[in-house]
Amino acid sequence: MEQTIVVAAKEFYEQGHSLRETSDFLEKTHKLHIHPNTLGYHLKRAGLFIRGVRESAKLAKRKHINAAKLVERYVENPSVRAISLEFRINRATATKILKENDIRILSNDESVRNANMKYLRHQFSGSNQDKAYLYGFVLGDVHVFQKSKFTLRAVTYTTRKCFVDLFTCEFDKYGMVNCRKSEDGKYALWVDLDYCSFSFLEERSKDRIPDWVTESNFISFLSGLIDADGSVLVRKAGKYFQYVVRIFGEDKQLLSEINERLTNLRFRPSFSRTFEAGRIRYWNGKLMRYNKDYFALEVYRKEDTLALLALLRLKHKEKILRRKQVIALSKKGLIRWRDIKTEVVELRKQIGAEAEESFGSA
């Protein structure tokens, strides 16, 4: 047999036709009369596996099914039930065709999740550093809870547009980030995440920093926490000034552990209670009442602060601006507040104006 005829016979036979049907096909298309047994001999020599009678009978029943199209539709919508209805075949046949084409069949749970998922979600794919940063970020100012068997919802509120941008940047590659602005200018943000790969964020409810946050990724964790709920600032200290990295909150145990870890890294942080429960004070014209004790963890010694800022992986726009200012001021060698006051106040005004603008915009 000529090579072109062998190729044509192989293609026709592999579509599920029998040897006799293939022989008839060659006679019609190539004017070649060949007995089915002889055809089988040539196809075997060409390296083709010849099906038995039973296998041929099974294939004959689904010759009308476009297997390539079926596989394509399953990849688009991975539901055996859906494609069995679309192609009008039973689920067992659909499953068999998919397996023959090396397609992984989703479990029942996975199929249910896909059927009920409004927006596409992706599993967490970041590095160990990214995981630690995200954990610190959520620990600082994001609430997470299991919404369903397959969904972890992350929720937060803010008045700062740069925080909206940061939250979106961190999560929109994994799910649809939703943002709603209220009449008073406050943003509500939430995103539904793949529960299986993001369940590590639920550890925020535990008393201690998880064991997987080690010395190798602690700085990434601390960066996320500071971006969400910490401060980088230049503070007046009498006639002089200090560069400060500050975390403030009511979680004494968390701050105590961070203090211990920073000390182990040879920093010299300060850790103290700043407000007792029941304390009342005015801040920015508003009455503040503290229902719990509040604590502050600060790194303020110049060498320590500059070293820590050099290590931190900050992503929050305002804190990056403040870090840049600290580094620039440190290079000038100035030590008195009066020499830097104007520059520091100008940056505060700039950040405040941007925050005010985003707060007031629609």
Foldseek 3Di string as FASTA:
>chain_A
DDPVLLVVLVVVVVLLAALVVSQVVCCVPVVDHDDSVVNVVVNVVVVDDHDDPVSSVVSVVVSVDPLVVLLVVCVVQVDLVVSCVVRVHDSVVSVVSCVVVVHDRDDPVVNVCSVPDPWDFDADDDDLLLLLLVLLLCLQFWDWDAPDPFKIKIKGKDLFVLVVVVVCVSPVVGFDWDWDADPQLMIIIMTIGGCVRNVVSVCSPPLEDDPSCDPVNVLSNVQSNCLRAWDFAWAADPQWIWTKTKGKFQSLSHLVVVCVVVVVVVAHKDKDWDDAQQDWDADPNDIDHHNHTMMMIMRTDLVRNLVSLVSHPHDRPLRVVSNVVSVVVVVVVDTGCVVCVVVRVVSVVVSVVNSVVSSPDD
